[in-house]
Amino acid sequence: MISFEHGIIDQCRKGERRAQMQLYSTFYKRVYNTCYRVLQNSAEAEDAMQESFLKAFSRLDTYSDSIPFEAWLVRISVNTCIDKLRKKELELTDLNENIHYEIEDTQDEEEWEQVLEKVEQVKAAIAKLPESGRLVITLYLIEGYDHEEIAEILGIASGTVRIQYMRAKQKLIELIA
């Protein structure tokens, strides 16, 4: 896949439309899912996905083969989504603290069904979080960015990200309980 990607990327750099379509076909689901998790709106996510690909194709000369293309593309999509959220005037909200939870070990099918129910509860609760909390939780837990990367993306201090993450996590637990 790596050599395949690099060949396609080289062709895209030359402006070859078929290569661009192939790259798009390879990654559009991943980019859309990332955008949807951040924006929580299908139409906005699709718009952000299209914008992300346009940005990526226009900035291929800045892409370095030393990092995976997918990671570079997802970073562009996250930044695009954050720009959209900033336009909505993202507000940071105080959340409740000191909530504790337990993680259960799942062994049998019945417990697995309970886990799936909890996953749906978590998804629904994430959707209810204020945008700032939902964004930090999504970037940290789902997209896998660390606090420093999130701070860089959002343009805030990493300590602020940690506090927002902690508060969002606690609010999430409260919503689930």
Protein backbone atom coordinates (compact mmCIF):
# COMPACT_ATOMS: atom_id res chain seq x y z
CA MET A 1 0.00 0.00 0.00
CA ILE A 2 2.81 2.45 0.81
CA SER A 3 4.45 2.20 -2.62
CA PHE A 4 0.97 2.26 -4.17
CA GLU A 5 0.16 5.47 -2.28
CA HIS A 6 3.44 7.15 -3.19
CA GLY A 7 2.96 6.35 -6.88
CA ILE A 8 -0.54 7.78 -6.78
CA ILE A 9 0.66 10.83 -4.87
CA ASP A 10 3.37 11.48 -7.45
CA GLN A 11 0.75 11.26 -10.19
CA CYS A 12 -1.53 13.63 -8.25
CA ARG A 13 1.33 16.10 -7.91
CA LYS A 14 1.47 16.12 -11.71
CA GLY A 15 -2.24 17.00 -11.80
CA GLU A 16 -3.48 13.65 -13.13
CA ARG A 17 -7.25 13.51 -12.48
CA ARG A 18 -7.51 9.72 -12.49
CA ALA A 19 -4.90 9.49 -9.77
CA GLN A 20 -6.74 12.15 -7.74
CA MET A 21 -9.97 10.18 -8.09
CA GLN A 22 -8.21 6.99 -7.02
CA LEU A 23 -6.74 8.71 -3.97
CA TYR A 24 -10.15 10.16 -3.16
CA SER A 25 -11.79 6.73 -3.53
CA THR A 26 -9.22 5.21 -1.21
CA PHE A 27 -9.62 7.71 1.64
CA TYR A 28 -13.01 9.45 1.36
CA LYS A 29 -14.74 7.20 3.94
CA ARG A 30 -12.00 7.77 6.52
CA VAL A 31 -12.05 11.53 5.98
CA TYR A 32 -15.86 11.71 6.05
CA ASN A 33 -16.02 9.70 9.29
CA THR A 34 -13.46 11.98 10.91
CA CYS A 35 -15.37 15.07 9.80
CA TYR A 36 -18.67 13.62 10.98
CA ARG A 37 -17.29 12.75 14.42
CA VAL A 38 -16.06 16.31 14.85
CA LEU A 39 -19.01 18.19 13.32
CA GLN A 40 -21.90 15.82 14.19
CA ASN A 41 -23.74 16.86 11.02
CA SER A 42 -23.83 14.85 7.82
CA ALA A 43 -24.10 17.78 5.40
CA GLU A 44 -21.37 19.76 7.16
CA ALA A 45 -19.16 16.66 7.32
CA GLU A 46 -19.54 16.06 3.59
CA ASP A 47 -18.74 19.70 2.88
CA ALA A 48 -15.68 19.54 5.15
CA MET A 49 -14.57 16.30 3.49
CA GLN A 50 -14.71 17.88 0.03
CA GLU A 51 -12.90 20.97 1.27
CA SER A 52 -10.24 18.77 2.90
CA PHE A 53 -9.52 16.94 -0.34
CA LEU A 54 -9.32 20.22 -2.24
CA LYS A 55 -6.83 21.54 0.31
CA ALA A 56 -4.83 18.31 0.20
CA PHE A 57 -4.63 18.27 -3.60
CA SER A 58 -3.59 21.92 -3.69
CA ARG A 59 -0.95 21.37 -0.99
CA LEU A 60 0.58 18.08 -2.16
CA ASP A 61 3.87 19.89 -2.70
CA THR A 62 4.07 20.36 1.10
CA TYR A 63 3.43 16.68 1.86
CA SER A 64 6.49 14.78 3.07
CA ASP A 65 6.76 11.06 2.39
CA SER A 66 8.21 10.64 5.89
CA ILE A 67 4.70 10.56 7.40
CA PRO A 68 1.77 8.39 6.32
CA PHE A 69 -0.40 10.13 3.75
CA GLU A 70 -3.57 9.13 5.58
CA ALA A 71 -2.37 10.81 8.78
CA TRP A 72 -1.53 13.98 6.84
CA LEU A 73 -4.93 13.96 5.13
CA VAL A 74 -6.82 13.33 8.37
CA ARG A 75 -4.93 16.20 10.03
CA ILE A 76 -6.06 18.48 7.20
CA SER A 77 -9.66 17.29 7.68
CA VAL A 78 -9.56 17.85 11.45
CA ASN A 79 -8.18 21.36 10.93
CA THR A 80 -10.87 22.04 8.33
CA CYS A 81 -13.56 20.95 10.78
CA ILE A 82 -12.07 23.06 13.54
CA ASP A 83 -12.12 26.07 11.24
CA LYS A 84 -15.82 25.42 10.62
CA LEU A 85 -16.46 25.16 14.35
CA ARG A 86 -14.56 28.39 14.99
CA LYS A 87 -16.84 30.13 12.53
CA LYS A 88 -19.70 29.03 14.77
CA GLU A 89 -17.91 30.75 17.67
CA LEU A 90 -16.93 27.71 19.70
CA GLU A 91 -17.67 28.33 23.38
CA LEU A 92 -15.87 26.62 26.25
CA THR A 93 -18.21 25.53 29.05
CA ASP A 94 -17.63 24.63 32.70
CA LEU A 95 -18.51 21.04 33.46
CA ASN A 96 -19.05 19.08 36.68
CA GLU A 97 -16.10 17.33 38.32
CA ASN A 98 -15.38 14.35 40.59
CA ILE A 99 -17.34 11.64 38.83
CA HIS A 100 -16.03 8.06 39.10
CA TYR A 101 -16.75 5.03 36.92
CA GLU A 102 -15.87 1.36 36.64
CA ILE A 103 -14.91 -0.67 33.59
CA GLU A 104 -16.47 -4.11 33.36
CA ASP A 105 -14.77 -7.17 31.91
CA THR A 106 -16.89 -8.75 29.17
CA GLN A 107 -16.66 -12.51 28.68
CA ASP A 108 -19.92 -13.86 27.32
CA GLU A 109 -22.42 -12.84 24.66
CA GLU A 110 -24.88 -11.35 27.11
CA GLU A 111 -22.22 -9.06 28.49
CA TRP A 112 -21.18 -8.18 24.93
CA GLU A 113 -24.73 -7.00 24.18
CA GLN A 114 -24.55 -4.82 27.27
CA VAL A 115 -21.27 -3.38 26.01
CA LEU A 116 -22.87 -2.57 22.65
CA GLU A 117 -25.72 -0.82 24.49
CA LYS A 118 -23.18 1.18 26.46
CA VAL A 119 -21.36 2.12 23.26
CA GLU A 120 -24.60 3.52 21.89
CA GLN A 121 -25.15 5.39 25.16
CA VAL A 122 -21.65 6.84 24.92
CA LYS A 123 -22.21 7.93 21.30
CA ALA A 124 -25.48 9.60 22.25
CA ALA A 125 -23.85 11.27 25.27
CA ILE A 126 -20.92 12.55 23.17
CA ALA A 127 -23.43 14.13 20.80
CA LYS A 128 -24.98 15.96 23.79
CA LEU A 129 -21.68 17.50 24.92
CA PRO A 130 -21.00 21.15 24.19
CA GLU A 131 -18.99 21.52 20.99
CA SER A 132 -15.73 22.25 22.81
CA GLY A 133 -15.99 19.13 24.96
CA ARG A 134 -17.14 16.96 22.07
CA LEU A 135 -14.25 18.20 19.97
CA VAL A 136 -11.59 17.48 22.61
CA ILE A 137 -13.08 14.04 23.45
CA THR A 138 -13.30 13.14 19.76
CA LEU A 139 -9.76 14.24 18.96
CA TYR A 140 -8.31 12.49 22.00
CA LEU A 141 -10.30 9.26 22.33
CA ILE A 142 -11.41 8.58 18.78
CA GLU A 143 -8.82 10.23 16.54
CA GLY A 144 -5.90 9.42 18.86
CA TYR A 145 -4.28 12.85 19.13
CA ASP A 146 -2.42 13.59 22.36
CA HIS A 147 -3.03 16.70 24.47
CA GLU A 148 -0.14 18.62 22.94
CA GLU A 149 -1.32 17.92 19.39
CA ILE A 150 -4.86 18.97 20.27
CA ALA A 151 -3.50 22.15 21.85
CA GLU A 152 -1.59 22.90 18.66
CA ILE A 153 -4.64 22.21 16.48
CA LEU A 154 -6.94 24.36 18.63
CA GLY A 155 -4.36 27.06 19.32
CA ILE A 156 -4.70 26.79 23.10
CA ALA A 157 -2.45 25.68 25.95
CA SER A 158 -2.04 21.93 26.51
CA GLY A 159 -3.08 22.43 30.15
CA THR A 160 -6.35 23.90 28.92
CA VAL A 161 -6.83 20.86 26.69
CA ARG A 162 -6.24 18.55 29.67
CA ILE A 163 -8.78 20.44 31.75
CA GLN A 164 -11.32 20.47 28.92
CA TYR A 165 -10.76 16.76 28.37
CA MET A 166 -11.18 15.97 32.06
CA ARG A 167 -14.34 18.05 32.31
CA ALA A 168 -15.79 16.66 29.09
CA LYS A 169 -15.04 13.12 30.25
CA GLN A 170 -16.72 13.78 33.59
CA LYS A 171 -19.74 15.35 31.89
CA LEU A 172 -19.89 12.36 29.56
CA ILE A 173 -19.94 10.00 32.53
CA GLU A 174 -22.67 12.11 34.14
CA LEU A 175 -24.77 11.93 30.97
CA ILE A 176 -24.38 8.16 30.80
CA ALA A 177 -25.16 7.54 34.49
